[in-house]
Amino acid sequence: MLSAYIIIYPPKVEILERTSEYAPILMFAMLFLSFIFIIFNQKRLMFIGMMATAFIAFFLKVSSNDNLILPQHNLLPKIKVAHFNLSTFNKEDPEIELILNEINPDVISFQEFTPDWESPLSTMLMINYPYAHKMMRVDPFGMAIFSKKPFKNINTFMYDDIPNLTVTINNDLQDIDIISSYIPLFYPQPKMNREHHLDIVSNAIAESKNPKVVIGDYSRVYWQAEMVKFRNNSKLNNSRRSTALSSPNPYDHIFYSDELECVQFDEIRESNQNHIGITGTYQINSRGKNKKQFSFAN
């Protein structure tokens, strides 16, 4: 039970905070131990193991998309967004173009957008994605948003020297804000930290009056306390319904506001099955769903 408590309420110590990334593995380990305790007639230990398993399973479920089934497609306009970290690609490899042609998103978010990528991406996307908001950098904090749909507004807000991009897109009947942020594992200056950066992003989200899709690499899995707190403060929903044990921990996320529904979410994998990005499809929420908030975050 102590291990389950540390997973859900990790102390403010980096090494212990990182242990919560392994919640799914610990959940199945607790379940396996419970069966072992049954074999040896250790009922008390079996009960404790089952309780720990149930607590972690519930914690993971409420941290993910809480719809038991994906919403049905309605007749309102859809918007499909995709997100990639360019560090996972070789710019000489044409696979990124093949992937984009296959998934055919309306909006693409790129992070770690360096000068090496400016020419190949601009050439590749100029016909189908003529609208772009770019912040090219030689460090990992460059990013870009390419779109098939015209921008009504673009903005860049900073956390110290780290950019965060916002674009407003007219999606037929409704303006939608796309906010892209990169929350690194390590910051270039000691005074900078993840909590302050997330607060800056939350403030930008609060200022937006439109439906919102929030994209980025956050260097944290979605069930960690910082991410649960960020989503609660920003009143955002999680597009992911679960994570696979066979995959690396998912640090890239697409969140969305209550005015929208996620009707599809997919991990994007290259030919050798390595995770390289994510994509989600969103529609205007016609049911007036109320946001649920949970208090797992400290």
Protein backbone atom coordinates (compact mmCIF):
# COMPACT_ATOMS: atom_id res chain seq x y z
CA MET A 1 0.00 0.00 0.00
CA LEU A 2 2.91 2.34 0.71
CA SER A 3 4.16 1.92 -2.85
CA ALA A 4 0.68 2.74 -4.19
CA TYR A 5 0.58 5.86 -2.00
CA ILE A 6 3.98 7.00 -3.33
CA ILE A 7 2.75 6.47 -6.90
CA ILE A 8 -0.36 8.63 -6.33
CA TYR A 9 1.13 11.19 -3.92
CA PRO A 10 4.86 11.27 -4.68
CA PRO A 11 7.04 13.39 -2.38
CA LYS A 12 8.68 16.48 -3.89
CA VAL A 13 11.87 14.55 -4.55
CA GLU A 14 12.89 14.05 -8.18
CA ILE A 15 13.84 10.37 -7.89
CA LEU A 16 10.58 9.52 -6.08
CA GLU A 17 8.51 11.62 -8.48
CA ARG A 18 9.99 9.63 -11.35
CA THR A 19 8.90 6.32 -9.77
CA SER A 20 5.26 7.18 -10.49
CA GLU A 21 6.03 6.75 -14.20
CA TYR A 22 6.03 3.02 -13.55
CA ALA A 23 2.51 2.89 -12.12
CA PRO A 24 1.18 0.43 -14.77
CA ILE A 25 4.07 -1.97 -14.15
CA LEU A 26 3.60 -1.73 -10.38
CA MET A 27 -0.15 -2.34 -10.77
CA PHE A 28 0.42 -5.64 -12.59
CA ALA A 29 3.20 -6.57 -10.16
CA MET A 30 0.78 -6.08 -7.25
CA LEU A 31 -1.82 -8.20 -9.03
CA PHE A 32 0.73 -10.97 -9.65
CA LEU A 33 1.83 -10.91 -5.99
CA SER A 34 -1.80 -11.13 -4.90
CA PHE A 35 -2.20 -14.37 -6.83
CA ILE A 36 0.99 -15.68 -5.25
CA PHE A 37 -0.40 -14.85 -1.80
CA ILE A 38 -3.60 -16.75 -2.65
CA ILE A 39 -1.56 -19.85 -3.48
CA PHE A 40 0.16 -19.69 -0.09
CA ASN A 41 -3.09 -18.84 1.71
CA GLN A 42 -1.85 -15.41 2.82
CA LYS A 43 -5.27 -13.79 2.82
CA ARG A 44 -4.25 -10.57 4.55
CA LEU A 45 -1.38 -9.93 2.12
CA MET A 46 -3.61 -10.92 -0.79
CA PHE A 47 -6.21 -8.36 0.30
CA ILE A 48 -3.57 -5.62 0.63
CA GLY A 49 -2.19 -6.45 -2.81
CA MET A 50 -5.66 -6.37 -4.39
CA MET A 51 -6.45 -3.05 -2.73
CA ALA A 52 -3.19 -1.53 -3.98
CA THR A 53 -3.95 -2.84 -7.48
CA ALA A 54 -7.44 -1.34 -7.40
CA PHE A 55 -6.20 2.06 -6.14
CA ILE A 56 -3.56 2.32 -8.88
CA ALA A 57 -6.00 1.15 -11.58
CA PHE A 58 -8.56 3.76 -10.52
CA PHE A 59 -5.88 6.44 -10.35
CA LEU A 60 -4.70 5.65 -13.90
CA LYS A 61 -8.25 5.60 -15.25
CA VAL A 62 -9.32 8.97 -13.87
CA SER A 63 -6.04 10.48 -15.10
CA SER A 64 -6.82 9.38 -18.66
CA ASN A 65 -9.78 10.06 -20.94
CA ASP A 66 -12.78 9.24 -18.74
CA ASN A 67 -15.13 8.28 -21.59
CA LEU A 68 -15.82 4.55 -21.46
CA ILE A 69 -16.34 4.67 -25.23
CA LEU A 70 -15.29 7.32 -27.72
CA PRO A 71 -18.01 9.88 -28.55
CA GLN A 72 -19.97 9.30 -31.74
CA HIS A 73 -19.10 11.53 -34.68
CA ASN A 74 -21.64 14.33 -35.01
CA LEU A 75 -22.36 16.49 -38.05
CA LEU A 76 -20.30 19.43 -36.79
CA PRO A 77 -16.89 20.23 -38.34
CA LYS A 78 -13.89 18.18 -37.20
CA ILE A 79 -10.29 19.18 -36.76
CA LYS A 80 -7.45 16.65 -36.86
CA VAL A 81 -4.13 17.58 -35.26
CA ALA A 82 -0.80 15.77 -35.16
CA HIS A 83 2.28 16.32 -33.04
CA PHE A 84 5.90 15.27 -33.64
CA ASN A 85 9.26 15.85 -32.01
CA LEU A 86 11.68 16.18 -34.91
CA SER A 87 14.55 14.68 -32.90
CA THR A 88 12.99 11.27 -33.66
CA PHE A 89 13.49 11.75 -37.43
CA ASN A 90 16.39 11.88 -39.84
CA LYS A 91 15.82 14.81 -42.20
CA GLU A 92 17.21 12.75 -45.07
CA ASP A 93 14.55 10.07 -44.46
CA PRO A 94 11.35 10.62 -46.48
CA GLU A 95 9.27 8.62 -43.98
CA ILE A 96 7.87 11.73 -42.32
CA GLU A 97 6.26 12.78 -45.61
CA LEU A 98 4.75 9.31 -46.06
CA ILE A 99 3.34 9.40 -42.52
CA LEU A 100 1.81 12.86 -43.00
CA ASN A 101 0.21 11.79 -46.27
CA GLU A 102 -1.25 8.75 -44.55
CA ILE A 103 -2.73 10.46 -41.48
CA ASN A 104 -3.60 13.70 -43.35
CA PRO A 105 -4.01 16.07 -40.36
CA ASP A 106 -5.39 19.60 -40.60
CA VAL A 107 -2.78 20.98 -38.21
CA ILE A 108 0.74 19.74 -37.47
CA SER A 109 2.83 20.69 -34.44
CA PHE A 110 6.60 20.19 -34.61
CA GLN A 111 9.04 20.55 -31.73
CA GLU A 112 12.85 20.75 -31.74
CA PHE A 113 12.45 22.75 -34.97
CA THR A 114 16.07 23.63 -35.81
CA PRO A 115 17.55 25.42 -38.88
CA ASP A 116 18.33 22.01 -40.40
CA TRP A 117 14.59 21.37 -40.66
CA GLU A 118 13.50 24.75 -42.04
CA SER A 119 14.14 24.05 -45.70
CA PRO A 120 13.02 20.38 -45.94
CA LEU A 121 9.80 20.93 -43.98
CA SER A 122 8.86 24.18 -45.72
CA THR A 123 9.40 22.54 -49.11
CA MET A 124 7.50 19.42 -48.11
CA LEU A 125 4.50 21.26 -46.64
CA MET A 126 4.21 24.47 -48.67
CA ILE A 127 1.40 23.22 -50.95
CA ASN A 128 -0.87 21.35 -48.51
CA TYR A 129 0.01 23.40 -45.41
CA PRO A 130 0.47 26.99 -46.61
CA TYR A 131 -0.07 28.59 -43.19
CA ALA A 132 2.74 28.40 -40.63
CA HIS A 133 3.78 29.94 -37.34
CA LYS A 134 7.43 29.13 -36.71
CA MET A 135 9.99 29.79 -34.00
CA MET A 136 13.23 28.33 -35.35
CA ARG A 137 16.00 27.78 -32.78
CA VAL A 138 19.43 26.14 -32.71
CA ASP A 139 18.61 24.68 -29.28
CA PRO A 140 15.85 22.11 -28.57
CA PHE A 141 13.23 24.82 -27.96
CA GLY A 142 12.36 25.60 -31.57
CA MET A 143 8.82 24.77 -32.67
CA ALA A 144 6.43 25.27 -35.55
CA ILE A 145 2.74 24.88 -36.34
CA PHE A 146 1.68 24.20 -39.95
CA SER A 147 -1.97 24.31 -40.99
CA LYS A 148 -4.24 23.70 -43.95
CA LYS A 149 -6.65 26.26 -42.51
CA PRO A 150 -5.83 29.99 -42.32
CA PHE A 151 -4.84 31.59 -39.04
CA LYS A 152 -7.04 34.30 -37.59
CA ASN A 153 -4.42 35.12 -34.99
CA ILE A 154 -0.90 34.03 -33.99
CA ASN A 155 0.98 34.65 -30.77
CA THR A 156 4.16 33.62 -29.00
CA PHE A 157 4.36 33.78 -25.22
CA MET A 158 7.58 33.09 -23.39
CA TYR A 159 8.70 31.34 -20.24
CA ASP A 160 12.01 33.11 -19.75
CA ASP A 161 13.69 32.30 -23.09
CA ILE A 162 11.50 29.29 -23.98
CA PRO A 163 8.76 29.97 -26.56
CA ASN A 164 5.19 28.67 -26.52
CA LEU A 165 3.11 29.07 -29.68
CA THR A 166 -0.59 29.89 -30.04
CA VAL A 167 -2.61 30.04 -33.23
CA THR A 168 -6.33 30.66 -33.71
CA ILE A 169 -7.88 28.71 -36.56
CA ASN A 170 -11.33 29.23 -38.01
CA ASN A 171 -12.66 25.68 -38.19
CA ASP A 172 -15.73 26.51 -40.28
CA LEU A 173 -18.35 27.21 -37.57
CA GLN A 174 -16.00 27.79 -34.64
CA ASP A 175 -12.64 29.41 -33.88
CA ILE A 176 -10.25 26.99 -32.15
CA ASP A 177 -7.02 27.88 -30.35
CA ILE A 178 -4.04 25.54 -30.77
CA ILE A 179 -1.41 25.96 -28.04
CA SER A 180 1.96 24.22 -28.38
CA SER A 181 4.45 24.01 -25.50
CA TYR A 182 7.67 22.16 -24.78
CA ILE A 183 8.27 21.41 -21.09
CA PRO A 184 11.83 20.01 -20.96
CA LEU A 185 13.21 17.47 -18.55
CA PHE A 186 16.09 19.82 -17.72
CA TYR A 187 16.07 23.62 -17.94
CA PRO A 188 19.04 25.71 -19.12
CA GLN A 189 18.99 27.87 -15.96
CA PRO A 190 18.66 26.81 -12.28
CA LYS A 191 15.98 29.47 -11.60
CA MET A 192 13.65 27.87 -14.16
CA ASN A 193 11.43 24.93 -13.29
CA ARG A 194 8.56 22.87 -14.64
CA GLU A 195 5.95 24.13 -12.17
CA HIS A 196 6.47 27.78 -13.14
CA HIS A 197 6.45 26.91 -16.84
CA LEU A 198 3.16 25.02 -16.49
CA ASP A 199 1.69 28.00 -14.62
CA ILE A 200 2.60 30.27 -17.57
CA VAL A 201 0.87 27.88 -19.97
CA SER A 202 -2.19 27.63 -17.66
CA ASN A 203 -2.48 31.42 -17.60
CA ALA A 204 -2.41 31.56 -21.40
CA ILE A 205 -5.10 28.88 -21.55
CA ALA A 206 -7.26 30.82 -19.08
CA GLU A 207 -7.05 33.95 -21.25
CA SER A 208 -8.41 32.10 -24.26
CA LYS A 209 -12.19 32.25 -24.76
CA ASN A 210 -12.23 29.76 -27.64
CA PRO A 211 -12.24 25.96 -27.57
CA LYS A 212 -8.67 24.82 -27.06
CA VAL A 213 -6.36 22.02 -28.17
CA VAL A 214 -3.14 21.98 -26.13
CA ILE A 215 -0.21 20.03 -27.59
CA GLY A 216 3.33 19.32 -26.52
CA ASP A 217 6.10 17.29 -24.98
CA TYR A 218 5.90 17.63 -21.21
CA SER A 219 8.65 15.26 -19.95
CA ARG A 220 6.02 13.74 -17.66
CA VAL A 221 3.46 10.99 -18.11
CA TYR A 222 -0.17 12.08 -17.88
CA TRP A 223 -0.86 10.48 -14.50
CA GLN A 224 1.97 12.22 -12.63
CA ALA A 225 0.90 14.77 -10.03
CA GLU A 226 2.19 17.80 -11.96
CA MET A 227 0.22 16.85 -15.06
CA VAL A 228 -2.99 16.08 -13.14
CA LYS A 229 -2.69 19.45 -11.39
CA PHE A 230 -2.01 21.22 -14.70
CA ARG A 231 -5.07 19.69 -16.36
CA ASN A 232 -7.30 20.47 -13.39
CA ASN A 233 -6.08 24.07 -13.19
CA SER A 234 -6.50 24.52 -16.94
CA LYS A 235 -9.81 22.59 -17.10
CA LEU A 236 -8.47 20.31 -19.82
CA ASN A 237 -9.34 16.76 -20.79
CA ASN A 238 -6.87 14.05 -21.72
CA SER A 239 -7.04 12.53 -25.20
CA ARG A 240 -5.30 9.32 -24.15
CA ARG A 241 -7.42 6.47 -22.83
CA SER A 242 -4.50 4.28 -21.71
CA THR A 243 -0.84 3.51 -22.26
CA ALA A 244 0.78 0.26 -23.37
CA LEU A 245 3.29 -1.53 -21.14
CA SER A 246 5.29 -2.46 -24.22
CA SER A 247 5.85 1.20 -25.14
CA PRO A 248 8.10 3.85 -23.60
CA ASN A 249 6.36 6.21 -21.22
CA PRO A 250 4.31 8.76 -23.23
CA TYR A 251 5.65 12.27 -22.65
CA ASP A 252 3.82 13.83 -25.61
CA HIS A 253 0.19 14.78 -25.04
CA ILE A 254 -2.83 16.39 -26.64
CA PHE A 255 -5.30 17.93 -24.18
CA TYR A 256 -8.56 19.66 -25.06
CA SER A 257 -11.16 21.90 -23.43
CA ASP A 258 -14.73 20.98 -22.53
CA GLU A 259 -16.17 22.63 -25.66
CA LEU A 260 -14.60 19.81 -27.70
CA GLU A 261 -14.81 16.03 -27.84
CA CYS A 262 -12.01 13.66 -28.82
CA VAL A 263 -13.47 11.19 -31.31
CA GLN A 264 -10.17 9.49 -32.14
CA PHE A 265 -6.65 9.37 -30.72
CA ASP A 266 -3.72 7.36 -32.08
CA GLU A 267 -0.06 6.82 -31.39
CA ILE A 268 2.00 7.26 -34.56
CA ARG A 269 4.72 4.68 -35.11
CA GLU A 270 7.35 4.33 -37.80
CA SER A 271 7.96 1.11 -39.72
CA ASN A 272 9.98 -0.48 -36.90
CA GLN A 273 7.17 0.39 -34.43
CA ASN A 274 9.07 3.12 -32.57
CA HIS A 275 6.81 5.86 -31.20
CA ILE A 276 7.31 9.08 -33.17
CA GLY A 277 4.17 11.14 -32.58
CA ILE A 278 0.47 11.37 -31.79
CA THR A 279 -2.68 12.44 -33.57
CA GLY A 280 -6.20 13.28 -32.42
CA THR A 281 -9.49 14.24 -34.06
CA TYR A 282 -11.83 16.69 -32.30
CA GLN A 283 -15.36 17.97 -32.80
CA ILE A 284 -17.53 20.55 -31.07
CA ASN A 285 -19.16 19.02 -28.00
CA SER A 286 -22.89 19.08 -28.66
CA ARG A 287 -23.80 17.46 -25.31
CA GLY A 288 -22.57 20.15 -22.92
CA LYS A 289 -20.35 17.79 -20.95
CA ASN A 290 -19.25 19.05 -17.53
CA LYS A 291 -15.59 18.71 -16.65
CA LYS A 292 -14.71 16.32 -13.83
CA GLN A 293 -11.83 17.28 -11.57
CA PHE A 294 -9.84 14.94 -9.37
CA SER A 295 -7.64 15.80 -6.45
CA PHE A 296 -4.75 13.35 -6.84
CA ALA A 297 -2.32 16.23 -7.43
CA ASN A 298 -0.74 17.76 -4.36
